[in-house]
Amino acid sequence: MAKSEQNSPSSFLRGLSEALVGLVERVRPSVVSLHLLRPSHRGDDEAIVGAGSGVVLSPDGLLLTNAHVAQSAQAFQALFTDGRNLPAEVVGIDPHTDVAVLRVPAHDLQHARLGDSASLRVGEVVLAFGNPLGLQATVTMGVVSAVGRSLRSLTGRLIENIIQTDAPLNPGSSGGALVNTQGEVVGITTAIVAGAQGICFAIPINTAKWVAGELIREGRVRRAWLGIAVQTVALAPEVIARWGIPERTAVRIVQVVPDGPAYRAGLEPGDVIVGMGDAPIASVDAVHRLLTRDAIGKRLPMAILREGELFRVVVVPTDAPVE
């Protein structure tokens, strides 16, 4: 081939196309189609009530998917690109991060290579693998539109460091793989914005890996628990000035669980939390960020406003009860 032909646009596109085809062929066997099943009205068989996607985490049958997919059915069938159709069971579900782990009876699966979502850059090319609208083994391409987004889970807790992409997704893509040009999974696709064009989201793989490890070891993700229901409220300017509070908002307790950690510390409905540990508290999300596994059983100082007066209490969070 002449040098001019090697440098021609058609030659570049041919090379790019071949590289993408090779990447797809490597990755696609590690992405499965999930049929969501429930007993039919006749009771003697199961009906397909939905579809989702999953990513093979290990050769011995572990799959990553979304919590909202795993919670949507009573049984699952995993369809692989080699034609196998295997029953799947739930290992663990974490609705707070929209991550779940399933298991199928197999020991020879081609598993995905997991990358580092922290290294993603805006503008980076990514491919989305999934089964939109039940169409198995579909691939779309786009770019990383943004990183560090926040997305509200079905439980109301904020999922942080979400990846935004314009790689097209549709219902059924949930739980699929967002893959970089090295063939590494950098995200688990999770949501689309209804009515918007090209605004799609993925759980960062670094989050999914950590959650999956917890689910495999313990069947759930352990988090600290205070035994309160709270809401974000605005603070009066004179209260901010009097007590030198660094934020304009705080968190009001609206419910205290009897005999929970907050109850035992003397907290009451109507108390306003303005600080926890060394951190100011301006929102419900700020409370959630501090209630990690590391806080279980540890003394947690809290700054509380009650009837305009500021005082301090110490609460010892416990392990959150299983929901």
C-alpha atoms as a PDB file:
ATOM      1  CA  MET A   1       0.000   0.000   0.000  1.00  0.00           C
ATOM      2  CA  ALA A   2       1.323   3.434  -0.950  1.00  0.00           C
ATOM      3  CA  LYS A   3       2.129   5.868   1.861  1.00  0.00           C
ATOM      4  CA  SER A   4      -0.626   8.245   0.724  1.00  0.00           C
ATOM      5  CA  GLU A   5      -3.168   5.422   0.922  1.00  0.00           C
ATOM      6  CA  GLN A   6      -1.995   4.461   4.404  1.00  0.00           C
ATOM      7  CA  ASN A   7      -2.624   8.018   5.603  1.00  0.00           C
ATOM      8  CA  SER A   8      -5.935   8.458   3.795  1.00  0.00           C
ATOM      9  CA  PRO A   9      -9.205   9.048   5.701  1.00  0.00           C
ATOM     10  CA  SER A  10     -10.623   5.760   4.442  1.00  0.00           C
ATOM     11  CA  SER A  11      -7.594   3.864   5.758  1.00  0.00           C
ATOM     12  CA  PHE A  12      -7.935   5.565   9.159  1.00  0.00           C
ATOM     13  CA  LEU A  13     -11.635   4.713   9.329  1.00  0.00           C
ATOM     14  CA  ARG A  14     -10.955   1.139   8.280  1.00  0.00           C
ATOM     15  CA  GLY A  15      -8.397   0.777  11.065  1.00  0.00           C
ATOM     16  CA  LEU A  16     -10.723   2.354  13.609  1.00  0.00           C
ATOM     17  CA  SER A  17     -13.562   0.084  12.541  1.00  0.00           C
ATOM     18  CA  GLU A  18     -11.398  -3.024  12.840  1.00  0.00           C
ATOM     19  CA  ALA A  19     -10.204  -1.964  16.291  1.00  0.00           C
ATOM     20  CA  LEU A  20     -13.790  -1.436  17.490  1.00  0.00           C
ATOM     21  CA  VAL A  21     -14.932  -4.769  16.063  1.00  0.00           C
ATOM     22  CA  GLY A  22     -12.089  -6.530  17.868  1.00  0.00           C
ATOM     23  CA  LEU A  23     -12.958  -4.785  21.131  1.00  0.00           C
ATOM     24  CA  VAL A  24     -16.637  -5.717  20.808  1.00  0.00           C
ATOM     25  CA  GLU A  25     -15.807  -9.349  20.089  1.00  0.00           C
ATOM     26  CA  ARG A  26     -13.683  -9.500  23.255  1.00  0.00           C
ATOM     27  CA  VAL A  27     -16.199  -7.836  25.541  1.00  0.00           C
ATOM     28  CA  ARG A  28     -19.587  -9.066  24.315  1.00  0.00           C
ATOM     29  CA  PRO A  29     -19.341 -12.624  25.764  1.00  0.00           C
ATOM     30  CA  SER A  30     -19.012 -11.126  29.250  1.00  0.00           C
ATOM     31  CA  VAL A  31     -22.328  -9.221  29.011  1.00  0.00           C
ATOM     32  CA  VAL A  32     -25.537 -11.204  29.495  1.00  0.00           C
ATOM     33  CA  SER A  33     -29.209 -10.635  28.822  1.00  0.00           C
ATOM     34  CA  LEU A  34     -31.460 -11.065  31.854  1.00  0.00           C
ATOM     35  CA  HIS A  35     -35.068 -12.174  31.523  1.00  0.00           C
ATOM     36  CA  LEU A  36     -37.061 -11.197  34.607  1.00  0.00           C
ATOM     37  CA  LEU A  37     -39.599 -13.884  35.516  1.00  0.00           C
ATOM     38  CA  ARG A  38     -42.682 -14.191  37.699  1.00  0.00           C
ATOM     39  CA  PRO A  39     -45.182 -17.039  38.054  1.00  0.00           C
ATOM     40  CA  SER A  40     -47.927 -16.849  35.448  1.00  0.00           C
ATOM     41  CA  HIS A  41     -51.597 -16.674  36.366  1.00  0.00           C
ATOM     42  CA  ARG A  42     -51.899 -20.407  35.686  1.00  0.00           C
ATOM     43  CA  GLY A  43     -49.186 -21.072  38.263  1.00  0.00           C
ATOM     44  CA  ASP A  44     -47.525 -23.886  36.320  1.00  0.00           C
ATOM     45  CA  ASP A  45     -44.903 -21.819  34.499  1.00  0.00           C
ATOM     46  CA  GLU A  46     -43.167 -18.455  34.608  1.00  0.00           C
ATOM     47  CA  ALA A  47     -43.880 -15.371  32.535  1.00  0.00           C
ATOM     48  CA  ILE A  48     -41.281 -12.864  31.328  1.00  0.00           C
ATOM     49  CA  VAL A  49     -42.155  -9.535  32.931  1.00  0.00           C
ATOM     50  CA  GLY A  50     -39.096  -7.509  32.002  1.00  0.00           C
ATOM     51  CA  ALA A  51     -35.557  -7.460  30.715  1.00  0.00           C
ATOM     52  CA  GLY A  52     -32.213  -6.233  31.926  1.00  0.00           C
ATOM     53  CA  SER A  53     -28.510  -6.757  31.483  1.00  0.00           C
ATOM     54  CA  GLY A  54     -25.649  -8.099  33.548  1.00  0.00           C
ATOM     55  CA  VAL A  55     -21.852  -8.208  33.505  1.00  0.00           C
ATOM     56  CA  VAL A  56     -19.889 -11.380  34.266  1.00  0.00           C
ATOM     57  CA  LEU A  57     -17.769 -10.650  37.315  1.00  0.00           C
ATOM     58  CA  SER A  58     -15.961 -13.991  37.650  1.00  0.00           C
ATOM     59  CA  PRO A  59     -15.675 -17.329  35.812  1.00  0.00           C
ATOM     60  CA  ASP A  60     -17.577 -19.128  38.600  1.00  0.00           C
ATOM     61  CA  GLY A  61     -20.915 -17.488  37.803  1.00  0.00           C
ATOM     62  CA  LEU A  62     -21.030 -14.131  39.603  1.00  0.00           C
ATOM     63  CA  LEU A  63     -22.822 -11.354  37.701  1.00  0.00           C
ATOM     64  CA  LEU A  64     -23.088  -7.616  38.347  1.00  0.00           C
ATOM     65  CA  THR A  65     -26.346  -5.825  37.583  1.00  0.00           C
ATOM     66  CA  ASN A  66     -28.541  -3.020  38.953  1.00  0.00           C
ATOM     67  CA  ALA A  67     -30.483  -3.359  42.197  1.00  0.00           C
ATOM     68  CA  HIS A  68     -33.621  -2.111  40.475  1.00  0.00           C
ATOM     69  CA  VAL A  69     -33.281  -4.966  37.971  1.00  0.00           C
ATOM     70  CA  ALA A  70     -32.707  -7.601  40.675  1.00  0.00           C
ATOM     71  CA  GLN A  71     -35.673  -6.331  42.702  1.00  0.00           C
ATOM     72  CA  SER A  72     -38.061  -6.441  39.749  1.00  0.00           C
ATOM     73  CA  ALA A  73     -38.618 -10.201  39.544  1.00  0.00           C
ATOM     74  CA  GLN A  74     -38.903 -13.416  41.539  1.00  0.00           C
ATOM     75  CA  ALA A  75     -36.626 -15.408  39.216  1.00  0.00           C
ATOM     76  CA  PHE A  76     -34.121 -14.725  36.431  1.00  0.00           C
ATOM     77  CA  GLN A  77     -32.777 -16.384  33.315  1.00  0.00           C
ATOM     78  CA  ALA A  78     -29.352 -15.287  32.062  1.00  0.00           C
ATOM     79  CA  LEU A  79     -28.836 -15.604  28.297  1.00  0.00           C
ATOM     80  CA  PHE A  80     -25.226 -15.764  27.122  1.00  0.00           C
ATOM     81  CA  THR A  81     -23.877 -15.051  23.649  1.00  0.00           C
ATOM     82  CA  ASP A  82     -22.766 -18.696  23.325  1.00  0.00           C
ATOM     83  CA  GLY A  83     -26.402 -19.782  23.527  1.00  0.00           C
ATOM     84  CA  ARG A  84     -26.497 -20.881  27.160  1.00  0.00           C
ATOM     85  CA  ASN A  85     -29.622 -20.007  29.144  1.00  0.00           C
ATOM     86  CA  LEU A  86     -28.967 -20.385  32.890  1.00  0.00           C
ATOM     87  CA  PRO A  87     -31.099 -19.674  35.965  1.00  0.00           C
ATOM     88  CA  ALA A  88     -29.763 -16.910  38.183  1.00  0.00           C
ATOM     89  CA  GLU A  89     -30.241 -16.318  41.894  1.00  0.00           C
ATOM     90  CA  VAL A  90     -29.677 -13.203  43.988  1.00  0.00           C
ATOM     91  CA  VAL A  91     -26.491 -13.076  46.075  1.00  0.00           C
ATOM     92  CA  GLY A  92     -27.108  -9.587  47.424  1.00  0.00           C
ATOM     93  CA  ILE A  93     -28.786  -6.272  46.625  1.00  0.00           C
ATOM     94  CA  ASP A  94     -27.798  -2.748  47.656  1.00  0.00           C
ATOM     95  CA  PRO A  95     -30.588  -0.365  46.608  1.00  0.00           C
ATOM     96  CA  HIS A  96     -28.676   2.630  48.019  1.00  0.00           C
ATOM     97  CA  THR A  97     -26.106   2.356  45.192  1.00  0.00           C
ATOM     98  CA  ASP A  98     -28.327   0.498  42.688  1.00  0.00           C
ATOM     99  CA  VAL A  99     -25.877  -2.433  42.568  1.00  0.00           C
ATOM    100  CA  ALA A 100     -26.719  -6.134  42.858  1.00  0.00           C
ATOM    101  CA  VAL A 101     -24.879  -9.427  42.462  1.00  0.00           C
ATOM    102  CA  LEU A 102     -26.440 -12.553  40.930  1.00  0.00           C
ATOM    103  CA  ARG A 103     -25.037 -16.060  40.540  1.00  0.00           C
ATOM    104  CA  VAL A 104     -25.529 -18.635  37.780  1.00  0.00           C
ATOM    105  CA  PRO A 105     -24.470 -22.323  37.929  1.00  0.00           C
ATOM    106  CA  ALA A 106     -21.349 -22.136  35.774  1.00  0.00           C
ATOM    107  CA  HIS A 107     -17.565 -22.273  36.246  1.00  0.00           C
ATOM    108  CA  ASP A 108     -16.200 -21.420  32.806  1.00  0.00           C
ATOM    109  CA  LEU A 109     -17.607 -17.989  32.015  1.00  0.00           C
ATOM    110  CA  GLN A 110     -15.650 -15.319  30.164  1.00  0.00           C
ATOM    111  CA  HIS A 111     -15.518 -12.533  32.707  1.00  0.00           C
ATOM    112  CA  ALA A 112     -15.164  -8.817  32.105  1.00  0.00           C
ATOM    113  CA  ARG A 113     -11.976  -6.867  32.717  1.00  0.00           C
ATOM    114  CA  LEU A 114     -12.698  -4.158  35.276  1.00  0.00           C
ATOM    115  CA  GLY A 115     -11.041  -0.770  34.870  1.00  0.00           C
ATOM    116  CA  ASP A 116     -10.586   2.316  37.041  1.00  0.00           C
ATOM    117  CA  SER A 117     -13.499   4.747  36.826  1.00  0.00           C
ATOM    118  CA  ALA A 118     -11.482   7.382  38.722  1.00  0.00           C
ATOM    119  CA  SER A 119      -9.238   7.801  35.675  1.00  0.00           C
ATOM    120  CA  LEU A 120     -12.067   8.617  33.253  1.00  0.00           C
ATOM    121  CA  ARG A 121     -11.859  11.948  31.430  1.00  0.00           C
ATOM    122  CA  VAL A 122     -14.635  13.987  29.874  1.00  0.00           C
ATOM    123  CA  GLY A 123     -14.610  13.410  26.116  1.00  0.00           C
ATOM    124  CA  GLU A 124     -13.218   9.876  26.384  1.00  0.00           C
ATOM    125  CA  VAL A 125     -14.828   7.412  23.960  1.00  0.00           C
ATOM    126  CA  VAL A 126     -16.900   4.670  25.608  1.00  0.00           C
ATOM    127  CA  LEU A 127     -19.087   1.814  24.402  1.00  0.00           C
ATOM    128  CA  ALA A 128     -22.283   0.640  26.108  1.00  0.00           C
ATOM    129  CA  PHE A 129     -23.073  -3.081  26.009  1.00  0.00           C
ATOM    130  CA  GLY A 130     -26.532  -4.289  26.951  1.00  0.00           C
ATOM    131  CA  ASN A 131     -29.868  -5.598  25.837  1.00  0.00           C
ATOM    132  CA  PRO A 132     -32.098  -2.564  25.193  1.00  0.00           C
ATOM    133  CA  LEU A 133     -35.765  -3.393  24.669  1.00  0.00           C
ATOM    134  CA  GLY A 134     -34.837  -7.080  24.921  1.00  0.00           C
ATOM    135  CA  LEU A 135     -32.549  -6.971  21.870  1.00  0.00           C
ATOM    136  CA  GLN A 136     -29.643  -9.156  22.995  1.00  0.00           C
ATOM    137  CA  ALA A 137     -25.978  -8.196  22.620  1.00  0.00           C
ATOM    138  CA  THR A 138     -26.438  -4.602  21.495  1.00  0.00           C
ATOM    139  CA  VAL A 139     -23.519  -2.151  21.359  1.00  0.00           C
ATOM    140  CA  THR A 140     -23.678   1.645  21.181  1.00  0.00           C
ATOM    141  CA  MET A 141     -20.902   4.243  21.239  1.00  0.00           C
ATOM    142  CA  GLY A 142     -20.518   7.711  22.682  1.00  0.00           C
ATOM    143  CA  VAL A 143     -18.319   9.781  24.930  1.00  0.00           C
ATOM    144  CA  VAL A 144     -18.058  10.497  28.628  1.00  0.00           C
ATOM    145  CA  SER A 145     -20.213  13.623  28.849  1.00  0.00           C
ATOM    146  CA  ALA A 146     -19.422  14.372  32.499  1.00  0.00           C
ATOM    147  CA  VAL A 147     -18.019  12.762  35.630  1.00  0.00           C
ATOM    148  CA  GLY A 148     -18.759  13.391  39.286  1.00  0.00           C
ATOM    149  CA  ARG A 149     -22.511  13.671  38.798  1.00  0.00           C
ATOM    150  CA  SER A 150     -24.929  12.728  41.579  1.00  0.00           C
ATOM    151  CA  LEU A 151     -28.005  10.566  41.116  1.00  0.00           C
ATOM    152  CA  ARG A 152     -30.790   9.844  43.579  1.00  0.00           C
ATOM    153  CA  SER A 153     -31.328   6.116  44.237  1.00  0.00           C
ATOM    154  CA  LEU A 154     -34.778   4.606  44.714  1.00  0.00           C
ATOM    155  CA  THR A 155     -34.207   4.752  48.482  1.00  0.00           C
ATOM    156  CA  GLY A 156     -33.547   8.504  48.365  1.00  0.00           C
ATOM    157  CA  ARG A 157     -29.836   8.206  49.160  1.00  0.00           C
ATOM    158  CA  LEU A 158     -27.490  10.099  46.846  1.00  0.00           C
ATOM    159  CA  ILE A 159     -25.185   8.012  44.631  1.00  0.00           C
ATOM    160  CA  GLU A 160     -22.012   9.993  44.025  1.00  0.00           C
ATOM    161  CA  ASN A 161     -19.409  10.127  41.222  1.00  0.00           C
ATOM    162  CA  ILE A 162     -21.949   9.029  38.621  1.00  0.00           C
ATOM    163  CA  ILE A 163     -20.736   8.893  34.997  1.00  0.00           C
ATOM    164  CA  GLN A 164     -22.817  10.739  32.405  1.00  0.00           C
ATOM    165  CA  THR A 165     -22.575   9.522  28.816  1.00  0.00           C
ATOM    166  CA  ASP A 166     -24.295  10.089  25.488  1.00  0.00           C
ATOM    167  CA  ALA A 167     -23.891   6.423  24.467  1.00  0.00           C
ATOM    168  CA  PRO A 168     -27.546   5.565  23.709  1.00  0.00           C
ATOM    169  CA  LEU A 169     -29.357   3.497  26.341  1.00  0.00           C
ATOM    170  CA  ASN A 170     -32.922   2.203  26.468  1.00  0.00           C
ATOM    171  CA  PRO A 171     -35.020   0.143  28.908  1.00  0.00           C
ATOM    172  CA  GLY A 172     -33.316  -3.229  29.164  1.00  0.00           C
ATOM    173  CA  SER A 173     -29.837  -1.676  29.081  1.00  0.00           C
ATOM    174  CA  SER A 174     -29.853  -1.365  32.884  1.00  0.00           C
ATOM    175  CA  GLY A 175     -27.088  -3.431  34.447  1.00  0.00           C
ATOM    176  CA  GLY A 176     -24.986  -3.514  31.279  1.00  0.00           C
ATOM    177  CA  ALA A 177     -21.374  -2.485  30.791  1.00  0.00           C
ATOM    178  CA  LEU A 178     -19.895   0.908  29.986  1.00  0.00           C
ATOM    179  CA  VAL A 179     -16.505   0.085  28.478  1.00  0.00           C
ATOM    180  CA  ASN A 180     -13.440   2.157  27.604  1.00  0.00           C
ATOM    181  CA  THR A 181     -11.317   1.719  24.481  1.00  0.00           C
ATOM    182  CA  GLN A 182      -9.025  -0.711  26.340  1.00  0.00           C
ATOM    183  CA  GLY A 183     -11.954  -3.102  26.720  1.00  0.00           C
ATOM    184  CA  GLU A 184     -12.267  -2.440  30.466  1.00  0.00           C
ATOM    185  CA  VAL A 185     -15.619  -2.004  32.194  1.00  0.00           C
ATOM    186  CA  VAL A 186     -15.643   1.454  33.784  1.00  0.00           C
ATOM    187  CA  GLY A 187     -19.325   1.663  34.697  1.00  0.00           C
ATOM    188  CA  ILE A 188     -22.572  -0.255  35.120  1.00  0.00           C
ATOM    189  CA  THR A 189     -25.283   1.460  33.090  1.00  0.00           C
ATOM    190  CA  THR A 190     -28.206   2.423  35.278  1.00  0.00           C
ATOM    191  CA  ALA A 191     -30.538   5.169  34.076  1.00  0.00           C
ATOM    192  CA  ILE A 192     -31.772   7.411  31.329  1.00  0.00           C
ATOM    193  CA  VAL A 193     -33.498  10.771  31.707  1.00  0.00           C
ATOM    194  CA  ALA A 194     -37.039  10.445  30.411  1.00  0.00           C
ATOM    195  CA  GLY A 195     -37.786  12.951  27.649  1.00  0.00           C
ATOM    196  CA  ALA A 196     -34.139  13.934  27.243  1.00  0.00           C
ATOM    197  CA  GLN A 197     -31.937  13.072  24.300  1.00  0.00           C
ATOM    198  CA  GLY A 198     -28.558  11.494  24.996  1.00  0.00           C
ATOM    199  CA  ILE A 199     -28.457  11.926  28.776  1.00  0.00           C
ATOM    200  CA  CYS A 200     -27.609   8.549  30.304  1.00  0.00           C
ATOM    201  CA  PHE A 201     -25.868   7.480  33.493  1.00  0.00           C
ATOM    202  CA  ALA A 202     -23.665   4.696  34.831  1.00  0.00           C
ATOM    203  CA  ILE A 203     -22.570   3.631  38.315  1.00  0.00           C
ATOM    204  CA  PRO A 204     -18.747   3.988  38.463  1.00  0.00           C
ATOM    205  CA  ILE A 205     -17.084   0.580  38.462  1.00  0.00           C
ATOM    206  CA  ASN A 206     -14.979   1.510  41.503  1.00  0.00           C
ATOM    207  CA  THR A 207     -18.211   1.862  43.497  1.00  0.00           C
ATOM    208  CA  ALA A 208     -19.677  -1.306  41.987  1.00  0.00           C
ATOM    209  CA  LYS A 209     -16.540  -3.336  42.801  1.00  0.00           C
ATOM    210  CA  TRP A 210     -16.580  -2.268  46.451  1.00  0.00           C
ATOM    211  CA  VAL A 211     -20.311  -2.911  46.840  1.00  0.00           C
ATOM    212  CA  ALA A 212     -20.041  -6.280  45.072  1.00  0.00           C
ATOM    213  CA  GLY A 213     -17.302  -7.346  47.480  1.00  0.00           C
ATOM    214  CA  GLU A 214     -19.514  -6.492  50.451  1.00  0.00           C
ATOM    215  CA  LEU A 215     -22.508  -8.308  48.953  1.00  0.00           C
ATOM    216  CA  ILE A 216     -20.464 -11.441  48.200  1.00  0.00           C
ATOM    217  CA  ARG A 217     -18.945 -11.543  51.695  1.00  0.00           C
ATOM    218  CA  GLU A 218     -21.962 -10.593  53.780  1.00  0.00           C
ATOM    219  CA  GLY A 219     -25.000 -10.503  51.510  1.00  0.00           C
ATOM    220  CA  ARG A 220     -25.453  -6.777  52.188  1.00  0.00           C
ATOM    221  CA  VAL A 221     -23.550  -3.521  52.641  1.00  0.00           C
ATOM    222  CA  ARG A 222     -23.135  -2.596  56.294  1.00  0.00           C
ATOM    223  CA  ARG A 223     -23.769   1.051  57.130  1.00  0.00           C
ATOM    224  CA  ALA A 224     -24.033   2.996  60.360  1.00  0.00           C
ATOM    225  CA  TRP A 225     -27.513   3.831  61.657  1.00  0.00           C
ATOM    226  CA  LEU A 226     -28.781   6.572  63.966  1.00  0.00           C
ATOM    227  CA  GLY A 227     -32.465   5.680  64.068  1.00  0.00           C
ATOM    228  CA  ILE A 228     -33.787   9.028  62.860  1.00  0.00           C
ATOM    229  CA  ALA A 229     -35.726  10.458  59.943  1.00  0.00           C
ATOM    230  CA  VAL A 230     -34.539  13.919  58.901  1.00  0.00           C
ATOM    231  CA  GLN A 231     -35.136  16.719  56.425  1.00  0.00           C
ATOM    232  CA  THR A 232     -33.040  19.662  55.218  1.00  0.00           C
ATOM    233  CA  VAL A 233     -34.173  23.041  56.559  1.00  0.00           C
ATOM    234  CA  ALA A 234     -33.045  26.660  56.275  1.00  0.00           C
ATOM    235  CA  LEU A 235     -31.501  28.356  59.304  1.00  0.00           C
ATOM    236  CA  ALA A 236     -32.562  31.793  60.461  1.00  0.00           C
ATOM    237  CA  PRO A 237     -29.861  34.453  59.849  1.00  0.00           C
ATOM    238  CA  GLU A 238     -29.836  35.452  63.514  1.00  0.00           C
ATOM    239  CA  VAL A 239     -29.197  31.808  64.552  1.00  0.00           C
ATOM    240  CA  ILE A 240     -26.325  31.557  62.077  1.00  0.00           C
ATOM    241  CA  ALA A 241     -24.813  34.788  63.388  1.00  0.00           C
ATOM    242  CA  ARG A 242     -25.284  33.967  67.082  1.00  0.00           C
ATOM    243  CA  TRP A 243     -23.627  30.540  66.940  1.00  0.00           C
ATOM    244  CA  GLY A 244     -21.211  31.086  64.052  1.00  0.00           C
ATOM    245  CA  ILE A 245     -22.693  28.264  61.989  1.00  0.00           C
ATOM    246  CA  PRO A 246     -20.817  28.011  58.656  1.00  0.00           C
ATOM    247  CA  GLU A 247     -23.816  26.794  56.583  1.00  0.00           C
ATOM    248  CA  ARG A 248     -27.164  28.382  55.726  1.00  0.00           C
ATOM    249  CA  THR A 249     -29.021  25.074  56.057  1.00  0.00           C
ATOM    250  CA  ALA A 250     -29.033  22.166  58.503  1.00  0.00           C
ATOM    251  CA  VAL A 251     -31.013  18.983  59.157  1.00  0.00           C
ATOM    252  CA  ARG A 252     -34.130  18.761  61.348  1.00  0.00           C
ATOM    253  CA  ILE A 253     -35.050  15.488  63.042  1.00  0.00           C
ATOM    254  CA  VAL A 254     -38.667  14.617  62.241  1.00  0.00           C
ATOM    255  CA  GLN A 255     -38.760  11.141  63.752  1.00  0.00           C
ATOM    256  CA  VAL A 256     -36.747   9.227  66.344  1.00  0.00           C
ATOM    257  CA  VAL A 257     -36.926   5.421  66.413  1.00  0.00           C
ATOM    258  CA  PRO A 258     -37.683   4.189  69.963  1.00  0.00           C
ATOM    259  CA  ASP A 259     -34.613   2.654  71.611  1.00  0.00           C
ATOM    260  CA  GLY A 260     -32.407   3.541  68.635  1.00  0.00           C
ATOM    261  CA  PRO A 261     -28.987   5.213  68.993  1.00  0.00           C
ATOM    262  CA  ALA A 262     -30.382   8.758  68.717  1.00  0.00           C
ATOM    263  CA  TYR A 263     -33.169   7.988  71.202  1.00  0.00           C
ATOM    264  CA  ARG A 264     -30.661   6.643  73.730  1.00  0.00           C
ATOM    265  CA  ALA A 265     -28.579   9.813  73.306  1.00  0.00           C
ATOM    266  CA  GLY A 266     -31.579  11.969  74.195  1.00  0.00           C
ATOM    267  CA  LEU A 267     -32.335  13.405  70.743  1.00  0.00           C
ATOM    268  CA  GLU A 268     -35.914  14.455  70.025  1.00  0.00           C
ATOM    269  CA  PRO A 269     -38.090  15.340  67.023  1.00  0.00           C
ATOM    270  CA  GLY A 270     -37.561  19.030  66.255  1.00  0.00           C
ATOM    271  CA  ASP A 271     -33.857  19.005  67.124  1.00  0.00           C
ATOM    272  CA  VAL A 272     -31.694  20.465  64.356  1.00  0.00           C
ATOM    273  CA  ILE A 273     -28.354  18.852  63.542  1.00  0.00           C
ATOM    274  CA  VAL A 274     -25.748  21.436  62.500  1.00  0.00           C
ATOM    275  CA  GLY A 275     -22.623  19.320  62.918  1.00  0.00           C
ATOM    276  CA  MET A 276     -21.452  15.709  63.129  1.00  0.00           C
ATOM    277  CA  GLY A 277     -17.901  14.871  64.106  1.00  0.00           C
ATOM    278  CA  ASP A 278     -15.738  17.662  62.692  1.00  0.00           C
ATOM    279  CA  ALA A 279     -18.038  18.338  59.730  1.00  0.00           C
ATOM    280  CA  PRO A 280     -20.837  20.895  59.371  1.00  0.00           C
ATOM    281  CA  ILE A 281     -24.150  19.328  58.333  1.00  0.00           C
ATOM    282  CA  ALA A 282     -26.049  21.237  55.657  1.00  0.00           C
ATOM    283  CA  SER A 283     -28.160  18.467  54.110  1.00  0.00           C
ATOM    284  CA  VAL A 284     -29.519  14.962  54.483  1.00  0.00           C
ATOM    285  CA  ASP A 285     -26.861  13.807  52.025  1.00  0.00           C
ATOM    286  CA  ALA A 286     -24.130  15.112  54.340  1.00  0.00           C
ATOM    287  CA  VAL A 287     -25.508  12.863  57.086  1.00  0.00           C
ATOM    288  CA  HIS A 288     -25.526   9.848  54.761  1.00  0.00           C
ATOM    289  CA  ARG A 289     -21.892  10.446  53.750  1.00  0.00           C
ATOM    290  CA  LEU A 290     -20.777  10.130  57.358  1.00  0.00           C
ATOM    291  CA  LEU A 291     -22.795   7.012  58.173  1.00  0.00           C
ATOM    292  CA  THR A 292     -20.376   4.521  56.669  1.00  0.00           C
ATOM    293  CA  ARG A 293     -19.369   1.132  57.995  1.00  0.00           C
ATOM    294  CA  ASP A 294     -16.411   2.750  59.782  1.00  0.00           C
ATOM    295  CA  ALA A 295     -18.777   4.742  62.020  1.00  0.00           C
ATOM    296  CA  ILE A 296     -20.482   1.650  63.494  1.00  0.00           C
ATOM    297  CA  GLY A 297     -19.867   1.467  67.247  1.00  0.00           C
ATOM    298  CA  LYS A 298     -17.792   4.668  67.314  1.00  0.00           C
ATOM    299  CA  ARG A 299     -18.586   7.754  69.411  1.00  0.00           C
ATOM    300  CA  LEU A 300     -19.987  10.428  67.106  1.00  0.00           C
ATOM    301  CA  PRO A 301     -20.196  13.973  68.560  1.00  0.00           C
ATOM    302  CA  MET A 302     -23.122  16.001  67.251  1.00  0.00           C
ATOM    303  CA  ALA A 303     -23.928  19.722  67.464  1.00  0.00           C
ATOM    304  CA  ILE A 304     -27.657  20.225  68.020  1.00  0.00           C
ATOM    305  CA  LEU A 305     -29.937  23.260  68.052  1.00  0.00           C
ATOM    306  CA  ARG A 306     -32.957  22.955  70.361  1.00  0.00           C
ATOM    307  CA  GLU A 307     -35.263  25.914  70.927  1.00  0.00           C
ATOM    308  CA  GLY A 308     -32.549  28.290  69.713  1.00  0.00           C
ATOM    309  CA  GLU A 309     -29.848  26.956  72.022  1.00  0.00           C
ATOM    310  CA  LEU A 310     -26.772  25.039  70.867  1.00  0.00           C
ATOM    311  CA  PHE A 311     -25.601  21.976  72.747  1.00  0.00           C
ATOM    312  CA  ARG A 312     -23.562  18.860  72.062  1.00  0.00           C
ATOM    313  CA  VAL A 313     -24.376  15.187  72.417  1.00  0.00           C
ATOM    314  CA  VAL A 314     -22.527  11.990  71.631  1.00  0.00           C
ATOM    315  CA  VAL A 315     -24.301   9.250  69.669  1.00  0.00           C
ATOM    316  CA  VAL A 316     -22.929   5.749  69.055  1.00  0.00           C
ATOM    317  CA  PRO A 317     -24.297   4.532  65.696  1.00  0.00           C
ATOM    318  CA  THR A 318     -25.172   0.861  65.379  1.00  0.00           C
ATOM    319  CA  ASP A 319     -25.268  -1.474  62.412  1.00  0.00           C
ATOM    320  CA  ALA A 320     -28.201  -0.525  60.190  1.00  0.00           C
ATOM    321  CA  PRO A 321     -31.014  -3.077  60.460  1.00  0.00           C
ATOM    322  CA  VAL A 322     -31.610  -5.337  57.484  1.00  0.00           C
ATOM    323  CA  GLU A 323     -34.417  -3.941  55.372  1.00  0.00           C
END
